[in-house]
N, C-alpha and C. Protein backbone atom coordinates (compact mmCIF):
# COMPACT_ATOMS: atom_id res chain seq x y z
N MET A 1 21.02 11.27 99.86
CA MET A 1 19.85 10.85 99.08
C MET A 1 18.60 11.00 99.95
N ASN A 2 17.62 11.78 99.46
CA ASN A 2 16.39 11.92 100.24
C ASN A 2 15.38 10.84 99.83
N ALA A 3 14.23 10.83 100.51
CA ALA A 3 13.26 9.77 100.29
C ALA A 3 12.73 9.76 98.85
N THR A 4 12.47 10.91 98.30
CA THR A 4 11.94 10.99 96.94
C THR A 4 12.94 10.43 95.94
N GLU A 5 14.21 10.80 96.10
CA GLU A 5 15.26 10.30 95.20
C GLU A 5 15.43 8.79 95.34
N LEU A 6 15.36 8.31 96.57
CA LEU A 6 15.56 6.89 96.79
C LEU A 6 14.39 6.07 96.24
N LEU A 7 13.18 6.54 96.41
CA LEU A 7 12.01 5.83 95.87
C LEU A 7 12.06 5.81 94.34
N THR A 8 12.50 6.91 93.75
CA THR A 8 12.66 6.93 92.29
C THR A 8 13.69 5.90 91.85
N ARG A 9 14.78 5.81 92.61
CA ARG A 9 15.82 4.83 92.31
C ARG A 9 15.28 3.40 92.44
N LEU A 10 14.55 3.14 93.49
CA LEU A 10 13.98 1.80 93.69
C LEU A 10 13.06 1.42 92.54
N ARG A 11 12.22 2.35 92.14
CA ARG A 11 11.26 2.05 91.07
C ARG A 11 11.97 1.82 89.73
N SER A 12 13.11 2.46 89.54
CA SER A 12 13.85 2.25 88.30
C SER A 12 14.53 0.88 88.27
N LEU A 13 14.75 0.29 89.44
CA LEU A 13 15.43 -0.99 89.54
C LEU A 13 14.48 -2.18 89.46
N GLY A 14 13.19 -1.92 89.52
CA GLY A 14 12.21 -2.99 89.56
C GLY A 14 12.12 -3.78 88.26
N LYS A 15 11.88 -5.09 88.40
CA LYS A 15 11.71 -5.96 87.24
C LYS A 15 10.46 -6.81 87.44
N PRO A 16 9.59 -6.89 86.42
CA PRO A 16 8.34 -7.65 86.54
C PRO A 16 8.55 -9.11 86.96
N ALA A 17 9.59 -9.76 86.45
CA ALA A 17 9.83 -11.16 86.79
C ALA A 17 10.16 -11.32 88.27
N THR A 18 10.93 -10.37 88.78
CA THR A 18 11.27 -10.42 90.21
C THR A 18 10.04 -10.17 91.06
N ALA A 19 9.21 -9.23 90.65
CA ALA A 19 7.97 -8.96 91.37
C ALA A 19 7.08 -10.19 91.40
N LYS A 20 7.01 -10.91 90.28
CA LYS A 20 6.21 -12.14 90.21
C LYS A 20 6.70 -13.18 91.21
N THR A 21 8.01 -13.31 91.30
CA THR A 21 8.59 -14.25 92.26
C THR A 21 8.25 -13.85 93.69
N TYR A 22 8.35 -12.57 93.99
CA TYR A 22 8.04 -12.09 95.34
C TYR A 22 6.58 -12.36 95.68
N ARG A 23 5.68 -12.14 94.72
CA ARG A 23 4.26 -12.41 94.97
C ARG A 23 4.04 -13.87 95.33
N ARG A 24 4.69 -14.74 94.56
CA ARG A 24 4.52 -16.18 94.80
C ARG A 24 5.04 -16.57 96.18
N HIS A 25 6.00 -15.82 96.67
CA HIS A 25 6.58 -16.12 97.97
C HIS A 25 5.99 -15.28 99.10
N GLY A 26 4.81 -14.73 98.89
CA GLY A 26 4.08 -14.13 99.99
C GLY A 26 4.20 -12.64 100.19
N ALA A 27 4.96 -11.94 99.34
CA ALA A 27 5.02 -10.48 99.46
C ALA A 27 3.68 -9.88 99.06
N VAL A 28 3.36 -8.76 99.64
CA VAL A 28 2.07 -8.12 99.43
C VAL A 28 2.26 -6.80 98.68
N GLU A 29 1.36 -6.51 97.76
CA GLU A 29 1.41 -5.28 96.96
C GLU A 29 1.37 -4.04 97.85
N PRO A 30 1.98 -2.94 97.36
CA PRO A 30 2.68 -2.77 96.09
C PRO A 30 4.09 -3.38 96.10
N ILE A 31 4.42 -4.08 95.02
CA ILE A 31 5.71 -4.74 94.87
C ILE A 31 6.41 -4.16 93.64
N LEU A 32 7.66 -3.75 93.79
CA LEU A 32 8.40 -3.13 92.69
C LEU A 32 9.21 -4.14 91.88
N GLY A 33 9.64 -5.22 92.52
CA GLY A 33 10.49 -6.18 91.82
C GLY A 33 11.96 -5.85 91.88
N VAL A 34 12.41 -5.22 92.96
CA VAL A 34 13.82 -4.90 93.14
C VAL A 34 14.53 -6.09 93.79
N SER A 35 15.62 -6.52 93.23
CA SER A 35 16.34 -7.68 93.76
C SER A 35 16.94 -7.36 95.13
N TYR A 36 17.14 -8.41 95.92
CA TYR A 36 17.77 -8.23 97.22
C TYR A 36 19.23 -7.84 97.07
N ALA A 37 19.84 -8.21 95.96
CA ALA A 37 21.21 -7.77 95.70
C ALA A 37 21.27 -6.25 95.56
N ASP A 38 20.31 -5.68 94.83
CA ASP A 38 20.27 -4.23 94.67
C ASP A 38 19.92 -3.54 95.98
N LEU A 39 19.04 -4.15 96.77
CA LEU A 39 18.71 -3.58 98.07
C LEU A 39 19.95 -3.58 98.96
N GLY A 40 20.76 -4.64 98.88
CA GLY A 40 21.98 -4.71 99.66
C GLY A 40 22.97 -3.62 99.29
N LYS A 41 23.06 -3.31 98.00
CA LYS A 41 23.96 -2.25 97.55
C LYS A 41 23.50 -0.89 98.09
N LEU A 42 22.19 -0.67 98.07
CA LEU A 42 21.66 0.59 98.60
C LEU A 42 21.88 0.68 100.11
N GLU A 43 21.71 -0.44 100.79
CA GLU A 43 21.95 -0.46 102.24
C GLU A 43 23.39 -0.06 102.55
N LYS A 44 24.35 -0.60 101.82
CA LYS A 44 25.76 -0.27 102.05
C LYS A 44 26.03 1.20 101.77
N GLN A 45 25.36 1.74 100.75
CA GLN A 45 25.56 3.14 100.40
C GLN A 45 24.99 4.07 101.47
N ILE A 46 23.81 3.72 101.99
CA ILE A 46 23.12 4.59 102.95
C ILE A 46 23.62 4.36 104.37
N GLN A 47 23.87 3.11 104.71
CA GLN A 47 24.21 2.68 106.07
C GLN A 47 23.03 2.94 107.01
N ILE A 48 23.16 3.80 108.01
CA ILE A 48 22.05 4.05 108.94
C ILE A 48 21.51 5.45 108.72
N ASP A 49 20.19 5.52 108.47
CA ASP A 49 19.53 6.81 108.33
C ASP A 49 18.09 6.61 108.81
N HIS A 50 17.88 6.88 110.09
CA HIS A 50 16.59 6.54 110.71
C HIS A 50 15.43 7.33 110.11
N ALA A 51 15.62 8.61 109.90
CA ALA A 51 14.55 9.43 109.33
C ALA A 51 14.18 8.94 107.94
N LEU A 52 15.16 8.59 107.16
CA LEU A 52 14.92 8.07 105.83
C LEU A 52 14.17 6.73 105.90
N ALA A 53 14.54 5.89 106.87
CA ALA A 53 13.85 4.61 107.05
C ALA A 53 12.37 4.81 107.34
N LEU A 54 12.05 5.76 108.19
CA LEU A 54 10.65 6.03 108.51
C LEU A 54 9.88 6.48 107.27
N SER A 55 10.50 7.30 106.44
CA SER A 55 9.86 7.75 105.21
C SER A 55 9.66 6.60 104.23
N LEU A 56 10.65 5.72 104.13
CA LEU A 56 10.54 4.58 103.24
C LEU A 56 9.40 3.66 103.66
N TRP A 57 9.32 3.40 104.94
CA TRP A 57 8.23 2.53 105.42
C TRP A 57 6.88 3.13 105.08
N GLN A 58 6.76 4.40 105.29
CA GLN A 58 5.50 5.10 105.03
C GLN A 58 5.11 5.01 103.55
N ALA A 59 6.09 4.90 102.66
CA ALA A 59 5.80 4.83 101.22
C ALA A 59 5.00 3.58 100.89
N GLY A 60 5.25 2.47 101.61
CA GLY A 60 4.39 1.30 101.49
C GLY A 60 4.85 0.21 100.54
N ASP A 61 5.76 0.50 99.62
CA ASP A 61 6.23 -0.53 98.70
C ASP A 61 6.97 -1.63 99.47
N HIS A 62 6.81 -2.86 99.03
CA HIS A 62 7.44 -3.98 99.73
C HIS A 62 8.93 -3.76 99.90
N GLU A 63 9.62 -3.46 98.81
CA GLU A 63 11.07 -3.31 98.87
C GLU A 63 11.49 -2.08 99.67
N ALA A 64 10.69 -1.03 99.62
CA ALA A 64 10.99 0.16 100.42
C ALA A 64 10.95 -0.20 101.91
N ARG A 65 9.98 -1.02 102.29
CA ARG A 65 9.88 -1.41 103.69
C ARG A 65 10.99 -2.37 104.10
N VAL A 66 11.35 -3.27 103.21
CA VAL A 66 12.49 -4.15 103.52
C VAL A 66 13.75 -3.31 103.74
N LEU A 67 14.00 -2.36 102.85
CA LEU A 67 15.17 -1.50 102.99
C LEU A 67 15.09 -0.66 104.26
N ALA A 68 13.90 -0.23 104.61
CA ALA A 68 13.72 0.55 105.85
C ALA A 68 14.21 -0.23 107.06
N THR A 69 13.93 -1.53 107.10
CA THR A 69 14.38 -2.34 108.24
C THR A 69 15.90 -2.47 108.29
N LYS A 70 16.56 -2.26 107.15
CA LYS A 70 18.01 -2.40 107.08
C LYS A 70 18.74 -1.13 107.49
N ILE A 71 18.10 0.03 107.27
CA ILE A 71 18.80 1.30 107.53
C ILE A 71 18.26 2.04 108.76
N ALA A 72 17.19 1.51 109.37
CA ALA A 72 16.69 2.14 110.58
C ALA A 72 17.70 1.95 111.71
N ASP A 73 17.66 2.84 112.68
CA ASP A 73 18.61 2.82 113.79
C ASP A 73 18.03 2.04 114.96
N PRO A 74 18.55 0.85 115.28
CA PRO A 74 18.00 0.05 116.38
C PRO A 74 18.07 0.76 117.73
N ALA A 75 19.08 1.59 117.91
CA ALA A 75 19.25 2.28 119.19
C ALA A 75 18.32 3.48 119.32
N ARG A 76 17.87 4.02 118.21
CA ARG A 76 17.07 5.25 118.22
C ARG A 76 15.57 4.98 118.11
N VAL A 77 15.18 3.85 117.56
CA VAL A 77 13.77 3.60 117.29
C VAL A 77 12.96 3.59 118.59
N THR A 78 11.77 4.15 118.53
CA THR A 78 10.90 4.20 119.70
C THR A 78 9.91 3.05 119.67
N TRP A 79 9.31 2.79 120.83
CA TRP A 79 8.27 1.75 120.87
C TRP A 79 7.11 2.12 119.94
N ALA A 80 6.73 3.37 119.92
CA ALA A 80 5.61 3.80 119.07
C ALA A 80 5.91 3.54 117.60
N GLU A 81 7.15 3.76 117.18
CA GLU A 81 7.52 3.51 115.78
C GLU A 81 7.48 2.02 115.45
N ILE A 82 8.01 1.21 116.36
CA ILE A 82 7.97 -0.24 116.14
C ILE A 82 6.54 -0.74 116.06
N ASP A 83 5.70 -0.26 116.97
CA ASP A 83 4.31 -0.75 116.99
C ASP A 83 3.53 -0.27 115.78
N ALA A 84 3.85 0.91 115.28
CA ALA A 84 3.20 1.40 114.06
C ALA A 84 3.59 0.52 112.87
N TRP A 85 4.85 0.14 112.77
CA TRP A 85 5.30 -0.76 111.71
C TRP A 85 4.63 -2.12 111.86
N ARG A 86 4.54 -2.60 113.09
CA ARG A 86 3.91 -3.90 113.35
C ARG A 86 2.48 -3.94 112.84
N LYS A 87 1.76 -2.87 113.00
CA LYS A 87 0.36 -2.81 112.54
C LYS A 87 0.24 -2.88 111.02
N ASP A 88 1.32 -2.56 110.32
CA ASP A 88 1.31 -2.58 108.85
C ASP A 88 1.72 -3.94 108.27
N LEU A 89 2.13 -4.88 109.10
CA LEU A 89 2.65 -6.15 108.60
C LEU A 89 1.60 -6.93 107.83
N ARG A 90 1.97 -7.34 106.62
CA ARG A 90 1.12 -8.19 105.78
C ARG A 90 2.05 -9.08 104.96
N GLY A 91 2.03 -10.37 105.20
CA GLY A 91 2.87 -11.28 104.44
C GLY A 91 4.15 -11.63 105.17
N TYR A 92 4.57 -12.87 105.02
CA TYR A 92 5.69 -13.35 105.82
C TYR A 92 7.07 -12.80 105.43
N PRO A 93 7.33 -12.40 104.16
CA PRO A 93 8.68 -11.86 103.89
C PRO A 93 8.98 -10.58 104.69
N ILE A 94 7.99 -9.70 104.79
CA ILE A 94 8.24 -8.47 105.53
C ILE A 94 8.26 -8.73 107.03
N VAL A 95 7.52 -9.74 107.48
CA VAL A 95 7.60 -10.13 108.89
C VAL A 95 9.02 -10.53 109.25
N GLY A 96 9.67 -11.30 108.37
CA GLY A 96 11.03 -11.73 108.63
C GLY A 96 12.01 -10.56 108.71
N ALA A 97 11.91 -9.64 107.76
CA ALA A 97 12.81 -8.48 107.76
C ALA A 97 12.57 -7.59 108.98
N PHE A 98 11.30 -7.38 109.31
CA PHE A 98 10.92 -6.57 110.46
C PHE A 98 11.43 -7.20 111.75
N SER A 99 11.25 -8.51 111.90
CA SER A 99 11.64 -9.20 113.13
C SER A 99 13.14 -9.16 113.34
N ASP A 100 13.90 -9.27 112.25
CA ASP A 100 15.35 -9.21 112.37
C ASP A 100 15.80 -7.83 112.85
N PHE A 101 15.08 -6.78 112.42
CA PHE A 101 15.39 -5.45 112.94
C PHE A 101 15.02 -5.34 114.41
N VAL A 102 13.82 -5.79 114.76
CA VAL A 102 13.33 -5.64 116.14
C VAL A 102 14.26 -6.33 117.13
N ARG A 103 14.79 -7.49 116.77
CA ARG A 103 15.65 -8.22 117.73
C ARG A 103 16.91 -7.45 118.05
N ARG A 104 17.28 -6.46 117.23
CA ARG A 104 18.47 -5.66 117.50
C ARG A 104 18.16 -4.40 118.31
N THR A 105 16.91 -4.22 118.70
CA THR A 105 16.50 -3.03 119.45
C THR A 105 16.36 -3.34 120.94
N PRO A 106 16.33 -2.31 121.79
CA PRO A 106 16.11 -2.54 123.22
C PRO A 106 14.69 -3.02 123.54
N HIS A 107 13.80 -2.98 122.56
CA HIS A 107 12.41 -3.34 122.78
C HIS A 107 12.10 -4.81 122.49
N ALA A 108 13.10 -5.58 122.10
CA ALA A 108 12.86 -6.93 121.57
C ALA A 108 12.11 -7.82 122.55
N ARG A 109 12.57 -7.89 123.78
CA ARG A 109 11.94 -8.81 124.73
C ARG A 109 10.50 -8.42 125.02
N ALA A 110 10.25 -7.12 125.11
CA ALA A 110 8.87 -6.67 125.35
C ALA A 110 7.97 -7.05 124.19
N CYS A 111 8.50 -6.99 122.98
CA CYS A 111 7.71 -7.33 121.80
C CYS A 111 7.25 -8.78 121.82
N ILE A 112 8.11 -9.67 122.26
CA ILE A 112 7.78 -11.09 122.25
C ILE A 112 6.50 -11.35 123.04
N ASP A 113 6.50 -10.95 124.29
CA ASP A 113 5.34 -11.28 125.13
C ASP A 113 4.10 -10.47 124.80
N ARG A 114 4.27 -9.31 124.17
CA ARG A 114 3.09 -8.54 123.75
C ARG A 114 2.46 -9.12 122.49
N TRP A 115 3.25 -9.82 121.68
CA TRP A 115 2.78 -10.21 120.35
C TRP A 115 2.46 -11.68 120.16
N ILE A 116 3.13 -12.59 120.86
CA ILE A 116 3.01 -14.00 120.48
C ILE A 116 1.61 -14.57 120.64
N ASP A 117 0.80 -13.99 121.52
CA ASP A 117 -0.57 -14.50 121.70
C ASP A 117 -1.61 -13.71 120.92
N SER A 118 -1.16 -12.84 120.03
CA SER A 118 -2.10 -12.02 119.26
C SER A 118 -2.96 -12.89 118.35
N LYS A 119 -4.19 -12.45 118.13
CA LYS A 119 -5.10 -13.13 117.21
C LYS A 119 -4.80 -12.75 115.77
N ASP A 120 -3.94 -11.76 115.57
CA ASP A 120 -3.52 -11.36 114.23
C ASP A 120 -2.35 -12.24 113.80
N GLU A 121 -2.47 -12.89 112.66
CA GLU A 121 -1.46 -13.85 112.21
C GLU A 121 -0.08 -13.23 112.09
N TRP A 122 0.00 -12.01 111.54
CA TRP A 122 1.31 -11.42 111.28
C TRP A 122 1.95 -10.89 112.55
N THR A 123 1.12 -10.41 113.49
CA THR A 123 1.67 -9.96 114.77
C THR A 123 2.23 -11.13 115.56
N SER A 124 1.45 -12.21 115.67
CA SER A 124 1.95 -13.37 116.42
C SER A 124 3.15 -13.99 115.73
N SER A 125 3.13 -14.02 114.39
CA SER A 125 4.29 -14.53 113.65
C SER A 125 5.53 -13.72 113.97
N ALA A 126 5.38 -12.40 114.01
CA ALA A 126 6.52 -11.54 114.33
C ALA A 126 7.04 -11.80 115.73
N GLY A 127 6.15 -11.98 116.68
CA GLY A 127 6.59 -12.25 118.05
C GLY A 127 7.45 -13.50 118.15
N TRP A 128 7.00 -14.58 117.51
CA TRP A 128 7.77 -15.82 117.55
C TRP A 128 9.06 -15.70 116.73
N SER A 129 9.02 -14.92 115.67
CA SER A 129 10.22 -14.71 114.86
C SER A 129 11.27 -13.92 115.62
N VAL A 130 10.85 -12.92 116.38
CA VAL A 130 11.78 -12.16 117.22
C VAL A 130 12.39 -13.09 118.27
N LEU A 131 11.57 -13.94 118.87
CA LEU A 131 12.08 -14.89 119.86
C LEU A 131 13.14 -15.79 119.24
N ALA A 132 12.87 -16.31 118.05
CA ALA A 132 13.84 -17.18 117.37
C ALA A 132 15.14 -16.43 117.11
N ALA A 133 15.02 -15.18 116.67
CA ALA A 133 16.21 -14.39 116.37
C ALA A 133 17.04 -14.11 117.63
N LEU A 134 16.35 -13.80 118.73
CA LEU A 134 17.07 -13.56 119.98
C LEU A 134 17.74 -14.84 120.48
N ALA A 135 17.03 -15.96 120.41
CA ALA A 135 17.61 -17.22 120.87
C ALA A 135 18.85 -17.57 120.07
N THR A 136 18.85 -17.20 118.79
CA THR A 136 19.98 -17.50 117.92
C THR A 136 21.15 -16.55 118.15
N HIS A 137 20.87 -15.28 118.29
CA HIS A 137 21.93 -14.27 118.26
C HIS A 137 22.33 -13.67 119.60
N ASP A 138 21.47 -13.76 120.61
CA ASP A 138 21.75 -13.11 121.90
C ASP A 138 22.14 -14.16 122.94
N ARG A 139 23.45 -14.38 123.08
CA ARG A 139 23.90 -15.39 124.03
C ARG A 139 23.76 -14.93 125.47
N SER A 140 23.47 -13.64 125.68
CA SER A 140 23.28 -13.15 127.04
C SER A 140 21.89 -13.50 127.57
N LEU A 141 21.00 -13.93 126.69
CA LEU A 141 19.64 -14.29 127.10
C LEU A 141 19.70 -15.59 127.88
N PRO A 142 19.28 -15.58 129.15
CA PRO A 142 19.41 -16.79 129.99
C PRO A 142 18.53 -17.94 129.47
N ASP A 143 19.06 -19.15 129.54
CA ASP A 143 18.29 -20.32 129.13
C ASP A 143 17.00 -20.43 129.93
N ALA A 144 17.04 -20.01 131.20
CA ALA A 144 15.85 -20.10 132.05
C ALA A 144 14.69 -19.26 131.52
N GLU A 145 15.01 -18.20 130.77
CA GLU A 145 13.95 -17.37 130.19
C GLU A 145 13.36 -17.99 128.94
N LEU A 146 14.11 -18.88 128.31
CA LEU A 146 13.65 -19.48 127.07
C LEU A 146 12.85 -20.77 127.29
N ALA A 147 13.18 -21.50 128.33
CA ALA A 147 12.54 -22.80 128.57
C ALA A 147 11.01 -22.73 128.63
N PRO A 148 10.40 -21.72 129.27
CA PRO A 148 8.93 -21.69 129.32
C PRO A 148 8.28 -21.58 127.94
N TYR A 149 8.98 -21.03 126.97
CA TYR A 149 8.40 -20.91 125.64
C TYR A 149 8.27 -22.29 124.97
N ILE A 150 9.12 -23.22 125.33
CA ILE A 150 8.99 -24.58 124.79
C ILE A 150 7.65 -25.17 125.20
N VAL A 151 7.28 -24.97 126.45
CA VAL A 151 5.99 -25.46 126.95
C VAL A 151 4.84 -24.81 126.20
N ARG A 152 4.96 -23.53 125.95
CA ARG A 152 3.89 -22.80 125.23
C ARG A 152 3.78 -23.27 123.79
N ILE A 153 4.92 -23.60 123.18
CA ILE A 153 4.90 -24.08 121.81
C ILE A 153 4.19 -25.43 121.73
N VAL A 154 4.53 -26.33 122.63
CA VAL A 154 3.88 -27.64 122.64
C VAL A 154 2.38 -27.51 122.82
N ALA A 155 1.97 -26.63 123.73
CA ALA A 155 0.55 -26.48 124.04
C ALA A 155 -0.24 -25.81 122.92
N GLY A 156 0.41 -24.93 122.15
CA GLY A 156 -0.37 -24.10 121.24
C GLY A 156 -0.10 -24.22 119.75
N ILE A 157 0.94 -24.94 119.35
CA ILE A 157 1.35 -24.87 117.95
C ILE A 157 0.30 -25.39 116.98
N HIS A 158 -0.35 -26.49 117.30
CA HIS A 158 -1.28 -27.06 116.33
C HIS A 158 -2.58 -26.27 116.21
N GLY A 159 -2.87 -25.44 117.19
CA GLY A 159 -4.07 -24.61 117.12
C GLY A 159 -3.80 -23.20 116.66
N ALA A 160 -2.54 -22.90 116.35
CA ALA A 160 -2.16 -21.53 115.97
C ALA A 160 -2.48 -21.26 114.51
N LEU A 161 -2.43 -19.99 114.13
CA LEU A 161 -2.65 -19.59 112.75
C LEU A 161 -1.51 -20.08 111.85
N ASN A 162 -1.78 -20.12 110.55
CA ASN A 162 -0.89 -20.79 109.60
C ASN A 162 0.58 -20.38 109.73
N ARG A 163 0.90 -19.12 109.47
CA ARG A 163 2.30 -18.70 109.51
C ARG A 163 2.83 -18.63 110.94
N THR A 164 1.93 -18.47 111.91
CA THR A 164 2.35 -18.51 113.31
C THR A 164 2.90 -19.89 113.64
N ARG A 165 2.26 -20.95 113.13
CA ARG A 165 2.77 -22.30 113.35
C ARG A 165 4.21 -22.44 112.83
N HIS A 166 4.43 -21.89 111.65
CA HIS A 166 5.76 -21.97 111.05
C HIS A 166 6.80 -21.28 111.94
N ASN A 167 6.46 -20.11 112.46
CA ASN A 167 7.42 -19.36 113.25
C ASN A 167 7.57 -19.91 114.67
N MET A 168 6.52 -20.54 115.19
CA MET A 168 6.66 -21.24 116.47
C MET A 168 7.62 -22.41 116.31
N ASN A 169 7.50 -23.12 115.21
CA ASN A 169 8.41 -24.22 114.92
C ASN A 169 9.85 -23.69 114.79
N GLY A 170 10.01 -22.54 114.12
CA GLY A 170 11.32 -21.93 114.00
C GLY A 170 11.90 -21.53 115.34
N ALA A 171 11.04 -21.02 116.24
CA ALA A 171 11.50 -20.65 117.58
C ALA A 171 11.96 -21.87 118.36
N LEU A 172 11.22 -22.98 118.22
CA LEU A 172 11.62 -24.21 118.90
C LEU A 172 12.99 -24.67 118.42
N ILE A 173 13.22 -24.60 117.11
CA ILE A 173 14.52 -24.98 116.55
C ILE A 173 15.62 -24.07 117.08
N ALA A 174 15.36 -22.77 117.10
CA ALA A 174 16.38 -21.81 117.57
C ALA A 174 16.71 -22.04 119.05
N ILE A 175 15.70 -22.30 119.85
CA ILE A 175 15.93 -22.54 121.28
C ILE A 175 16.72 -23.83 121.47
N GLY A 176 16.30 -24.89 120.80
CA GLY A 176 17.01 -26.16 120.92
C GLY A 176 18.42 -26.09 120.38
N GLY A 177 18.62 -25.23 119.39
CA GLY A 177 19.94 -25.09 118.78
C GLY A 177 20.98 -24.49 119.70
N ARG A 178 20.56 -23.95 120.83
CA ARG A 178 21.52 -23.39 121.80
C ARG A 178 22.27 -24.49 122.55
N GLY A 179 21.72 -25.70 122.56
CA GLY A 179 22.40 -26.82 123.21
C GLY A 179 22.04 -26.96 124.67
N GLY A 180 22.77 -27.83 125.37
CA GLY A 180 22.56 -28.05 126.79
C GLY A 180 21.18 -28.59 127.12
N ALA A 181 20.64 -28.17 128.26
CA ALA A 181 19.34 -28.64 128.70
C ALA A 181 18.24 -28.22 127.74
N LEU A 182 18.41 -27.06 127.11
CA LEU A 182 17.39 -26.59 126.16
C LEU A 182 17.30 -27.52 124.95
N GLU A 183 18.43 -28.05 124.53
CA GLU A 183 18.43 -28.98 123.40
C GLU A 183 17.58 -30.20 123.74
N LYS A 184 17.79 -30.77 124.92
CA LYS A 184 17.03 -31.96 125.33
C LYS A 184 15.54 -31.65 125.44
N GLN A 185 15.21 -30.51 126.02
CA GLN A 185 13.81 -30.13 126.17
C GLN A 185 13.15 -29.90 124.82
N ALA A 186 13.87 -29.23 123.92
CA ALA A 186 13.31 -28.94 122.60
C ALA A 186 13.14 -30.20 121.77
N LEU A 187 14.08 -31.13 121.87
CA LEU A 187 13.96 -32.38 121.14
C LEU A 187 12.78 -33.20 121.64
N ALA A 188 12.59 -33.22 122.95
CA ALA A 188 11.43 -33.93 123.51
C ALA A 188 10.13 -33.28 123.05
N ALA A 189 10.13 -31.95 123.01
CA ALA A 189 8.95 -31.22 122.55
C ALA A 189 8.66 -31.50 121.08
N ALA A 190 9.71 -31.52 120.27
CA ALA A 190 9.53 -31.78 118.83
C ALA A 190 8.92 -33.16 118.60
N LYS A 191 9.36 -34.16 119.37
CA LYS A 191 8.79 -35.50 119.24
C LYS A 191 7.32 -35.50 119.63
N LYS A 192 7.00 -34.79 120.67
CA LYS A 192 5.61 -34.72 121.13
C LYS A 192 4.72 -34.00 120.11
N ILE A 193 5.24 -32.96 119.51
CA ILE A 193 4.47 -32.16 118.54
C ILE A 193 4.25 -32.93 117.25
N GLY A 194 5.27 -33.61 116.76
CA GLY A 194 5.17 -34.32 115.48
C GLY A 194 5.20 -33.35 114.31
N ARG A 195 4.59 -33.75 113.23
CA ARG A 195 4.63 -32.95 112.00
C ARG A 195 3.82 -31.66 112.17
N VAL A 196 4.39 -30.56 111.70
CA VAL A 196 3.69 -29.26 111.74
C VAL A 196 3.25 -28.92 110.32
N GLU A 197 1.95 -28.86 110.12
CA GLU A 197 1.38 -28.58 108.80
C GLU A 197 1.24 -27.08 108.59
N VAL A 198 1.85 -26.58 107.51
CA VAL A 198 1.78 -25.15 107.17
C VAL A 198 1.53 -25.04 105.67
N ASP A 199 0.59 -24.19 105.29
CA ASP A 199 0.31 -23.93 103.87
C ASP A 199 1.30 -22.88 103.37
N HIS A 200 2.18 -23.29 102.45
CA HIS A 200 3.18 -22.38 101.90
C HIS A 200 2.77 -21.83 100.53
N GLY A 201 1.51 -21.97 100.18
CA GLY A 201 1.02 -21.39 98.94
C GLY A 201 1.61 -22.06 97.72
N GLU A 202 1.95 -21.25 96.71
CA GLU A 202 2.42 -21.78 95.43
C GLU A 202 3.93 -22.01 95.38
N THR A 203 4.54 -22.15 96.53
CA THR A 203 5.99 -22.35 96.56
C THR A 203 6.32 -23.80 96.91
N GLU A 204 7.58 -24.13 96.80
CA GLU A 204 8.05 -25.46 97.21
C GLU A 204 8.67 -25.42 98.60
N CYS A 205 8.43 -24.33 99.32
CA CYS A 205 8.97 -24.20 100.68
C CYS A 205 8.30 -25.22 101.61
N GLU A 206 9.03 -25.62 102.63
CA GLU A 206 8.50 -26.56 103.61
C GLU A 206 8.87 -26.08 105.01
N THR A 207 8.03 -26.44 105.97
CA THR A 207 8.37 -26.18 107.36
C THR A 207 9.28 -27.30 107.84
N PRO A 208 10.47 -26.98 108.32
CA PRO A 208 11.43 -28.03 108.65
C PRO A 208 11.00 -28.90 109.82
N ASP A 209 11.46 -30.13 109.81
CA ASP A 209 11.26 -31.03 110.93
C ASP A 209 12.15 -30.56 112.08
N ALA A 210 11.53 -30.14 113.18
CA ALA A 210 12.29 -29.51 114.26
C ALA A 210 13.33 -30.44 114.86
N GLU A 211 12.96 -31.69 115.10
CA GLU A 211 13.91 -32.62 115.72
C GLU A 211 15.16 -32.78 114.85
N ALA A 212 14.95 -33.05 113.56
CA ALA A 212 16.09 -33.25 112.66
C ALA A 212 16.93 -31.99 112.54
N TYR A 213 16.28 -30.84 112.51
CA TYR A 213 17.00 -29.59 112.30
C TYR A 213 17.82 -29.22 113.53
N ILE A 214 17.27 -29.44 114.72
CA ILE A 214 18.02 -29.17 115.95
C ILE A 214 19.27 -30.04 116.00
N LYS A 215 19.11 -31.31 115.67
CA LYS A 215 20.26 -32.23 115.67
C LYS A 215 21.32 -31.79 114.67
N LYS A 216 20.88 -31.27 113.53
CA LYS A 216 21.81 -30.80 112.52
C LYS A 216 22.59 -29.58 113.02
N ILE A 217 21.90 -28.65 113.68
CA ILE A 217 22.56 -27.46 114.22
C ILE A 217 23.60 -27.86 115.26
N ARG A 218 23.22 -28.76 116.14
CA ARG A 218 24.14 -29.15 117.22
C ARG A 218 25.34 -29.94 116.67
N ALA A 219 25.11 -30.75 115.63
CA ALA A 219 26.21 -31.48 115.02
C ALA A 219 27.23 -30.52 114.42
N ARG A 220 26.73 -29.44 113.79
CA ARG A 220 27.64 -28.43 113.23
C ARG A 220 28.42 -27.73 114.34
N ALA A 221 27.71 -27.43 115.44
CA ALA A 221 28.35 -26.72 116.55
C ALA A 221 29.45 -27.56 117.20
N ARG A 222 29.27 -28.88 117.20
CA ARG A 222 30.26 -29.75 117.80
C ARG A 222 31.42 -30.04 116.86
């Protein structure tokens, strides 16, 4: 399946009601209204096709870009390609999909420190989201490398941009969820930070209480 055929397929699957839901949850136009279930089926059919992923991203549709993050090759992607995608980020749903892809690439750690202090809301959000994903999924990442980020979160979270605050809070939860000394440090940080205010727009979404969420993760792990 080439890019033209796949885009035609995506557009045929779109539903106005689904597009409306995506808009309410922060997706940015153009939005086709393709369900994530249908995107999952296409992902299974295509598997990995890096060239196709690059073409899909370039097309610009929300769902095309989400699918691009699923079929791009983490081992093959270049820094220039990742940074070009990063510059296109608009809206938190695509930030999440993009960050999950980046954490599987060799460039993940470099992305964190290049992005988390950005004045651009979506770039900084992506940096903290990649950090959260690595803390959750990469057990080879030393705890000593994660601890300094707790200090940075405490110092900067309340002055950060809206969605950046949400993802900094998520990173704190992910770091604390690893347990051990990091759990204690993250819980102390969460108490010091207190409530994190984030505008979630017209949704009923909430930014979780970091202290309670870390305790819940650790209780499950035990």
